[in-house]
Amino acid sequence: MGELVEFIAKALVDNPDAVNVKEIESSQSIIIELKVAPEDMGKIIGKQGRIAKALRTLVKAAATKDNKRVIIEIIQ
């Protein structure tokens, strides 16, 4: 899941080298921490959070086949 988030985030931002993804896995869920440069934060979140919501929807759809719950945290 982390690779998918990293690929999408790098495609959206101006500074793809600053994208950092950390994956924390437990038995029932996966927490993905996404860190980007401060100037790219608006591009990841989007207007009214639309891009962040779409990113969460895509990852949730990919995680259903593994019967896992995925949480994406966007960290500044």
PDB file of N, CA and C in Angstrom:
ATOM      1  N   MET A   1       0.812  -1.196   0.000  1.00  0.00           N
ATOM      2  CA  MET A   1       0.000   0.000   0.000  1.00  0.00           C
ATOM      3  C   MET A   1       0.855   1.259   0.000  1.00  0.00           C
ATOM      4  N   GLY A   2       1.957   1.206   0.714  1.00  0.00           N
ATOM      5  CA  GLY A   2       2.829   2.374   0.808  1.00  0.00           C
ATOM      6  C   GLY A   2       3.386   2.792  -0.537  1.00  0.00           C
ATOM      7  N   GLU A   3       3.670   1.810  -1.384  1.00  0.00           N
ATOM      8  CA  GLU A   3       4.209   2.122  -2.710  1.00  0.00           C
ATOM      9  C   GLU A   3       3.182   2.871  -3.559  1.00  0.00           C
ATOM     10  N   LEU A   4       1.916   2.482  -3.436  1.00  0.00           N
ATOM     11  CA  LEU A   4       0.846   3.145  -4.178  1.00  0.00           C
ATOM     12  C   LEU A   4       0.713   4.597  -3.734  1.00  0.00           C
ATOM     13  N   VAL A   5       0.718   4.827  -2.442  1.00  0.00           N
ATOM     14  CA  VAL A   5       0.606   6.193  -1.909  1.00  0.00           C
ATOM     15  C   VAL A   5       1.806   7.026  -2.342  1.00  0.00           C
ATOM     16  N   GLU A   6       2.985   6.441  -2.282  1.00  0.00           N
ATOM     17  CA  GLU A   6       4.197   7.170  -2.671  1.00  0.00           C
ATOM     18  C   GLU A   6       4.170   7.524  -4.155  1.00  0.00           C
ATOM     19  N   PHE A   7       3.745   6.612  -4.995  1.00  0.00           N
ATOM     20  CA  PHE A   7       3.674   6.859  -6.441  1.00  0.00           C
ATOM     21  C   PHE A   7       2.715   8.004  -6.751  1.00  0.00           C
ATOM     22  N   ILE A   8       1.534   7.974  -6.153  1.00  0.00           N
ATOM     23  CA  ILE A   8       0.535   9.012  -6.408  1.00  0.00           C
ATOM     24  C   ILE A   8       1.006  10.351  -5.866  1.00  0.00           C
ATOM     25  N   ALA A   9       1.571  10.361  -4.661  1.00  0.00           N
ATOM     26  CA  ALA A   9       2.028  11.608  -4.046  1.00  0.00           C
ATOM     27  C   ALA A   9       3.151  12.243  -4.860  1.00  0.00           C
ATOM     28  N   LYS A  10       4.084  11.433  -5.339  1.00  0.00           N
ATOM     29  CA  LYS A  10       5.186  11.978  -6.129  1.00  0.00           C
ATOM     30  C   LYS A  10       4.696  12.569  -7.444  1.00  0.00           C
ATOM     31  N   ALA A  11       3.619  12.031  -7.982  1.00  0.00           N
ATOM     32  CA  ALA A  11       3.060  12.560  -9.225  1.00  0.00           C
ATOM     33  C   ALA A  11       2.342  13.892  -9.002  1.00  0.00           C
ATOM     34  N   LEU A  12       1.877  14.139  -7.791  1.00  0.00           N
ATOM     35  CA  LEU A  12       1.102  15.346  -7.506  1.00  0.00           C
ATOM     36  C   LEU A  12       1.945  16.548  -7.101  1.00  0.00           C
ATOM     37  N   VAL A  13       3.065  16.332  -6.442  1.00  0.00           N
ATOM     38  CA  VAL A  13       3.814  17.433  -5.838  1.00  0.00           C
ATOM     39  C   VAL A  13       4.875  18.002  -6.773  1.00  0.00           C
ATOM     40  N   ASP A  14       5.374  19.200  -6.414  1.00  0.00           N
ATOM     41  CA  ASP A  14       6.455  19.834  -7.175  1.00  0.00           C
ATOM     42  C   ASP A  14       7.823  19.316  -6.754  1.00  0.00           C
ATOM     43  N   ASN A  15       7.936  18.852  -5.504  1.00  0.00           N
ATOM     44  CA  ASN A  15       9.206  18.377  -4.970  1.00  0.00           C
ATOM     45  C   ASN A  15       9.082  16.893  -4.608  1.00  0.00           C
ATOM     46  N   PRO A  16       9.179  15.992  -5.591  1.00  0.00           N
ATOM     47  CA  PRO A  16       8.973  14.564  -5.301  1.00  0.00           C
ATOM     48  C   PRO A  16      10.051  13.942  -4.412  1.00  0.00           C
ATOM     49  N   ASP A  17      11.214  14.578  -4.306  1.00  0.00           N
ATOM     50  CA  ASP A  17      12.276  14.030  -3.455  1.00  0.00           C
ATOM     51  C   ASP A  17      11.943  14.174  -1.972  1.00  0.00           C
ATOM     52  N   ALA A  18      11.056  15.100  -1.625  1.00  0.00           N
ATOM     53  CA  ALA A  18      10.694  15.339  -0.225  1.00  0.00           C
ATOM     54  C   ALA A  18       9.574  14.417   0.252  1.00  0.00           C
ATOM     55  N   VAL A  19       9.014  13.607  -0.633  1.00  0.00           N
ATOM     56  CA  VAL A  19       7.930  12.691  -0.245  1.00  0.00           C
ATOM     57  C   VAL A  19       8.510  11.540   0.553  1.00  0.00           C
ATOM     58  N   ASN A  20       7.925  11.306   1.730  1.00  0.00           N
ATOM     59  CA  ASN A  20       8.378  10.237   2.605  1.00  0.00           C
ATOM     60  C   ASN A  20       7.157   9.462   3.086  1.00  0.00           C
ATOM     61  N   VAL A  21       7.159   8.146   2.883  1.00  0.00           N
ATOM     62  CA  VAL A  21       6.042   7.298   3.280  1.00  0.00           C
ATOM     63  C   VAL A  21       6.539   6.273   4.289  1.00  0.00           C
ATOM     64  N   LYS A  22       5.833   6.198   5.416  1.00  0.00           N
ATOM     65  CA  LYS A  22       6.166   5.221   6.457  1.00  0.00           C
ATOM     66  C   LYS A  22       4.940   4.358   6.680  1.00  0.00           C
ATOM     67  N   GLU A  23       5.137   3.058   6.685  1.00  0.00           N
ATOM     68  CA  GLU A  23       4.026   2.107   6.807  1.00  0.00           C
ATOM     69  C   GLU A  23       4.134   1.367   8.143  1.00  0.00           C
ATOM     70  N   ILE A  24       3.079   1.453   8.944  1.00  0.00           N
ATOM     71  CA  ILE A  24       3.015   0.767  10.231  1.00  0.00           C
ATOM     72  C   ILE A  24       1.899  -0.259  10.132  1.00  0.00           C
ATOM     73  N   GLU A  25       2.250  -1.536  10.265  1.00  0.00           N
ATOM     74  CA  GLU A  25       1.277  -2.601  10.047  1.00  0.00           C
ATOM     75  C   GLU A  25       0.968  -3.335  11.349  1.00  0.00           C
ATOM     76  N   SER A  26      -0.321  -3.567  11.575  1.00  0.00           N
ATOM     77  CA  SER A  26      -0.758  -4.399  12.695  1.00  0.00           C
ATOM     78  C   SER A  26      -1.581  -5.550  12.129  1.00  0.00           C
ATOM     79  N   SER A  27      -2.204  -6.330  12.987  1.00  0.00           N
ATOM     80  CA  SER A  27      -2.926  -7.500  12.513  1.00  0.00           C
ATOM     81  C   SER A  27      -4.177  -7.130  11.710  1.00  0.00           C
ATOM     82  N   GLN A  28      -4.857  -6.076  12.089  1.00  0.00           N
ATOM     83  CA  GLN A  28      -6.113  -5.713  11.430  1.00  0.00           C
ATOM     84  C   GLN A  28      -6.020  -4.479  10.548  1.00  0.00           C
ATOM     85  N   SER A  29      -5.008  -3.644  10.745  1.00  0.00           N
ATOM     86  CA  SER A  29      -4.970  -2.387  10.000  1.00  0.00           C
ATOM     87  C   SER A  29      -3.546  -2.019   9.598  1.00  0.00           C
ATOM     88  N   ILE A  30      -3.487  -1.071   8.686  1.00  0.00           N
ATOM     89  CA  ILE A  30      -2.223  -0.510   8.224  1.00  0.00           C
ATOM     90  C   ILE A  30      -2.336   1.002   8.341  1.00  0.00           C
ATOM     91  N   ILE A  31      -1.359   1.624   8.992  1.00  0.00           N
ATOM     92  CA  ILE A  31      -1.310   3.079   9.077  1.00  0.00           C
ATOM     93  C   ILE A  31      -0.201   3.545   8.147  1.00  0.00           C
ATOM     94  N   ILE A  32      -0.548   4.435   7.233  1.00  0.00           N
ATOM     95  CA  ILE A  32       0.419   4.974   6.290  1.00  0.00           C
ATOM     96  C   ILE A  32       0.608   6.448   6.618  1.00  0.00           C
ATOM     97  N   GLU A  33       1.840   6.810   6.967  1.00  0.00           N
ATOM     98  CA  GLU A  33       2.162   8.197   7.265  1.00  0.00           C
ATOM     99  C   GLU A  33       2.817   8.811   6.038  1.00  0.00           C
ATOM    100  N   LEU A  34       2.193   9.852   5.510  1.00  0.00           N
ATOM    101  CA  LEU A  34       2.682  10.534   4.313  1.00  0.00           C
ATOM    102  C   LEU A  34       3.219  11.896   4.717  1.00  0.00           C
ATOM    103  N   LYS A  35       4.478  12.142   4.380  1.00  0.00           N
ATOM    104  CA  LYS A  35       5.117  13.406   4.718  1.00  0.00           C
ATOM    105  C   LYS A  35       5.596  14.057   3.431  1.00  0.00           C
ATOM    106  N   VAL A  36       5.220  15.318   3.223  1.00  0.00           N
ATOM    107  CA  VAL A  36       5.638  16.063   2.032  1.00  0.00           C
ATOM    108  C   VAL A  36       6.221  17.400   2.471  1.00  0.00           C
ATOM    109  N   ALA A  37       6.814  18.107   1.531  1.00  0.00           N
ATOM    110  CA  ALA A  37       7.358  19.437   1.815  1.00  0.00           C
ATOM    111  C   ALA A  37       6.205  20.382   2.158  1.00  0.00           C
ATOM    112  N   PRO A  38       6.455  21.349   3.038  1.00  0.00           N
ATOM    113  CA  PRO A  38       5.368  22.269   3.448  1.00  0.00           C
ATOM    114  C   PRO A  38       4.699  23.001   2.285  1.00  0.00           C
ATOM    115  N   GLU A  39       5.463  23.342   1.249  1.00  0.00           N
ATOM    116  CA  GLU A  39       4.864  24.060   0.110  1.00  0.00           C
ATOM    117  C   GLU A  39       3.991  23.154  -0.758  1.00  0.00           C
ATOM    118  N   ASP A  40       4.133  21.833  -0.611  1.00  0.00           N
ATOM    119  CA  ASP A  40       3.332  20.877  -1.375  1.00  0.00           C
ATOM    120  C   ASP A  40       2.122  20.355  -0.599  1.00  0.00           C
ATOM    121  N   MET A  41       1.949  20.806   0.624  1.00  0.00           N
ATOM    122  CA  MET A  41       0.861  20.302   1.461  1.00  0.00           C
ATOM    123  C   MET A  41      -0.510  20.574   0.828  1.00  0.00           C
ATOM    124  N   GLY A  42      -0.695  21.733   0.239  1.00  0.00           N
ATOM    125  CA  GLY A  42      -1.969  22.071  -0.395  1.00  0.00           C
ATOM    126  C   GLY A  42      -2.280  21.195  -1.597  1.00  0.00           C
ATOM    127  N   LYS A  43      -1.253  20.752  -2.297  1.00  0.00           N
ATOM    128  CA  LYS A  43      -1.470  19.900  -3.471  1.00  0.00           C
ATOM    129  C   LYS A  43      -1.889  18.499  -3.065  1.00  0.00           C
ATOM    130  N   ILE A  44      -1.446  18.037  -1.907  1.00  0.00           N
ATOM    131  CA  ILE A  44      -1.820  16.704  -1.426  1.00  0.00           C
ATOM    132  C   ILE A  44      -3.224  16.733  -0.818  1.00  0.00           C
ATOM    133  N   ILE A  45      -3.546  17.805  -0.110  1.00  0.00           N
ATOM    134  CA  ILE A  45      -4.858  17.889   0.537  1.00  0.00           C
ATOM    135  C   ILE A  45      -5.932  18.310  -0.468  1.00  0.00           C
ATOM    136  N   GLY A  46      -5.649  19.299  -1.298  1.00  0.00           N
ATOM    137  CA  GLY A  46      -6.610  19.752  -2.294  1.00  0.00           C
ATOM    138  C   GLY A  46      -7.669  20.657  -1.701  1.00  0.00           C
ATOM    139  N   LYS A  47      -8.477  21.214  -2.571  1.00  0.00           N
ATOM    140  CA  LYS A  47      -9.558  22.096  -2.116  1.00  0.00           C
ATOM    141  C   LYS A  47     -10.585  21.294  -1.346  1.00  0.00           C
ATOM    142  N   GLN A  48     -10.847  21.737  -0.135  1.00  0.00           N
ATOM    143  CA  GLN A  48     -11.798  21.091   0.772  1.00  0.00           C
ATOM    144  C   GLN A  48     -11.458  19.619   1.009  1.00  0.00           C
ATOM    145  N   GLY A  49     -10.183  19.261   0.858  1.00  0.00           N
ATOM    146  CA  GLY A  49      -9.739  17.907   1.149  1.00  0.00           C
ATOM    147  C   GLY A  49     -10.098  16.880   0.100  1.00  0.00           C
ATOM    148  N   ARG A  50     -10.409  17.319  -1.097  1.00  0.00           N
ATOM    149  CA  ARG A  50     -10.873  16.385  -2.136  1.00  0.00           C
ATOM    150  C   ARG A  50      -9.792  15.415  -2.592  1.00  0.00           C
ATOM    151  N   ILE A  51      -8.570  15.883  -2.758  1.00  0.00           N
ATOM    152  CA  ILE A  51      -7.503  14.994  -3.225  1.00  0.00           C
ATOM    153  C   ILE A  51      -7.146  13.993  -2.137  1.00  0.00           C
ATOM    154  N   ALA A  52      -7.083  14.446  -0.884  1.00  0.00           N
ATOM    155  CA  ALA A  52      -6.789  13.532   0.225  1.00  0.00           C
ATOM    156  C   ALA A  52      -7.881  12.471   0.343  1.00  0.00           C
ATOM    157  N   LYS A  53      -9.125  12.868   0.164  1.00  0.00           N
ATOM    158  CA  LYS A  53     -10.239  11.915   0.238  1.00  0.00           C
ATOM    159  C   LYS A  53     -10.155  10.905  -0.910  1.00  0.00           C
ATOM    160  N   ALA A  54      -9.811  11.376  -2.104  1.00  0.00           N
ATOM    161  CA  ALA A  54      -9.675  10.470  -3.254  1.00  0.00           C
ATOM    162  C   ALA A  54      -8.520   9.500  -3.054  1.00  0.00           C
ATOM    163  N   LEU A  55      -7.422   9.981  -2.489  1.00  0.00           N
ATOM    164  CA  LEU A  55      -6.276   9.117  -2.201  1.00  0.00           C
ATOM    165  C   LEU A  55      -6.653   8.043  -1.193  1.00  0.00           C
ATOM    166  N   ARG A  56      -7.395   8.429  -0.155  1.00  0.00           N
ATOM    167  CA  ARG A  56      -7.843   7.463   0.847  1.00  0.00           C
ATOM    168  C   ARG A  56      -8.804   6.433   0.240  1.00  0.00           C
ATOM    169  N   THR A  57      -9.662   6.877  -0.675  1.00  0.00           N
ATOM    170  CA  THR A  57     -10.603   5.971  -1.331  1.00  0.00           C
ATOM    171  C   THR A  57      -9.872   4.945  -2.192  1.00  0.00           C
ATOM    172  N   LEU A  58      -8.872   5.390  -2.936  1.00  0.00           N
ATOM    173  CA  LEU A  58      -8.093   4.470  -3.778  1.00  0.00           C
ATOM    174  C   LEU A  58      -7.375   3.419  -2.947  1.00  0.00           C
ATOM    175  N   VAL A  59      -6.749   3.842  -1.871  1.00  0.00           N
ATOM    176  CA  VAL A  59      -6.006   2.909  -1.032  1.00  0.00           C
ATOM    177  C   VAL A  59      -6.959   1.962  -0.310  1.00  0.00           C
ATOM    178  N   LYS A  60      -8.097   2.468   0.096  1.00  0.00           N
ATOM    179  CA  LYS A  60      -9.103   1.618   0.756  1.00  0.00           C
ATOM    180  C   LYS A  60      -9.595   0.536  -0.204  1.00  0.00           C
ATOM    181  N   ALA A  61      -9.806   0.902  -1.468  1.00  0.00           N
ATOM    182  CA  ALA A  61     -10.247  -0.073  -2.461  1.00  0.00           C
ATOM    183  C   ALA A  61      -9.171  -1.132  -2.704  1.00  0.00           C
ATOM    184  N   ALA A  62      -7.909  -0.726  -2.707  1.00  0.00           N
ATOM    185  CA  ALA A  62      -6.820  -1.681  -2.918  1.00  0.00           C
ATOM    186  C   ALA A  62      -6.642  -2.595  -1.711  1.00  0.00           C
ATOM    187  N   ALA A  63      -7.012  -2.120  -0.528  1.00  0.00           N
ATOM    188  CA  ALA A  63      -6.808  -2.902   0.693  1.00  0.00           C
ATOM    189  C   ALA A  63      -7.935  -3.886   0.973  1.00  0.00           C
ATOM    190  N   THR A  64      -9.054  -3.763   0.303  1.00  0.00           N
ATOM    191  CA  THR A  64     -10.181  -4.651   0.587  1.00  0.00           C
ATOM    192  C   THR A  64      -9.873  -6.102   0.214  1.00  0.00           C
ATOM    193  N   LYS A  65      -9.039  -6.310  -0.779  1.00  0.00           N
ATOM    194  CA  LYS A  65      -8.715  -7.690  -1.156  1.00  0.00           C
ATOM    195  C   LYS A  65      -7.855  -8.383  -0.104  1.00  0.00           C
ATOM    196  N   ASP A  66      -7.162  -7.596   0.741  1.00  0.00           N
ATOM    197  CA  ASP A  66      -6.357  -8.165   1.828  1.00  0.00           C
ATOM    198  C   ASP A  66      -7.123  -8.178   3.154  1.00  0.00           C
ATOM    199  N   ASN A  67      -8.373  -7.739   3.131  1.00  0.00           N
ATOM    200  CA  ASN A  67      -9.199  -7.633   4.341  1.00  0.00           C
ATOM    201  C   ASN A  67      -8.502  -6.827   5.436  1.00  0.00           C
ATOM    202  N   LYS A  68      -7.904  -5.708   5.027  1.00  0.00           N
ATOM    203  CA  LYS A  68      -7.212  -4.822   5.963  1.00  0.00           C
ATOM    204  C   LYS A  68      -7.897  -3.462   5.958  1.00  0.00           C
ATOM    205  N   ARG A  69      -7.733  -2.751   7.060  1.00  0.00           N
ATOM    206  CA  ARG A  69      -8.226  -1.389   7.171  1.00  0.00           C
ATOM    207  C   ARG A  69      -7.023  -0.472   7.030  1.00  0.00           C
ATOM    208  N   VAL A  70      -7.107   0.520   6.152  1.00  0.00           N
ATOM    209  CA  VAL A  70      -5.983   1.414   5.893  1.00  0.00           C
ATOM    210  C   VAL A  70      -6.325   2.806   6.347  1.00  0.00           C
ATOM    211  N   ILE A  71      -5.389   3.416   7.066  1.00  0.00           N
ATOM    212  CA  ILE A  71      -5.532   4.795   7.536  1.00  0.00           C
ATOM    213  C   ILE A  71      -4.353   5.578   6.965  1.00  0.00           C
ATOM    214  N   ILE A  72      -4.648   6.681   6.282  1.00  0.00           N
ATOM    215  CA  ILE A  72      -3.589   7.538   5.758  1.00  0.00           C
ATOM    216  C   ILE A  72      -3.540   8.800   6.604  1.00  0.00           C
ATOM    217  N   GLU A  73      -2.380   9.073   7.177  1.00  0.00           N
ATOM    218  CA  GLU A  73      -2.160  10.277   7.947  1.00  0.00           C
ATOM    219  C   GLU A  73      -1.193  11.170   7.172  1.00  0.00           C
ATOM    220  N   ILE A  74      -1.620  12.392   6.906  1.00  0.00           N
ATOM    221  CA  ILE A  74      -0.779  13.344   6.202  1.00  0.00           C
ATOM    222  C   ILE A  74      -0.087  14.199   7.260  1.00  0.00           C
ATOM    223  N   ILE A  75       1.227  14.109   7.312  1.00  0.00           N
ATOM    224  CA  ILE A  75       2.024  14.780   8.351  1.00  0.00           C
ATOM    225  C   ILE A  75       2.817  15.915   7.734  1.00  0.00           C
ATOM    226  N   GLN A  76       2.868  17.027   8.455  1.00  0.00           N
ATOM    227  CA  GLN A  76       3.601  18.172   7.959  1.00  0.00           C
ATOM    228  C   GLN A  76       5.041  18.130   8.361  1.00  0.00           C
TER     229      GLN A  76
END
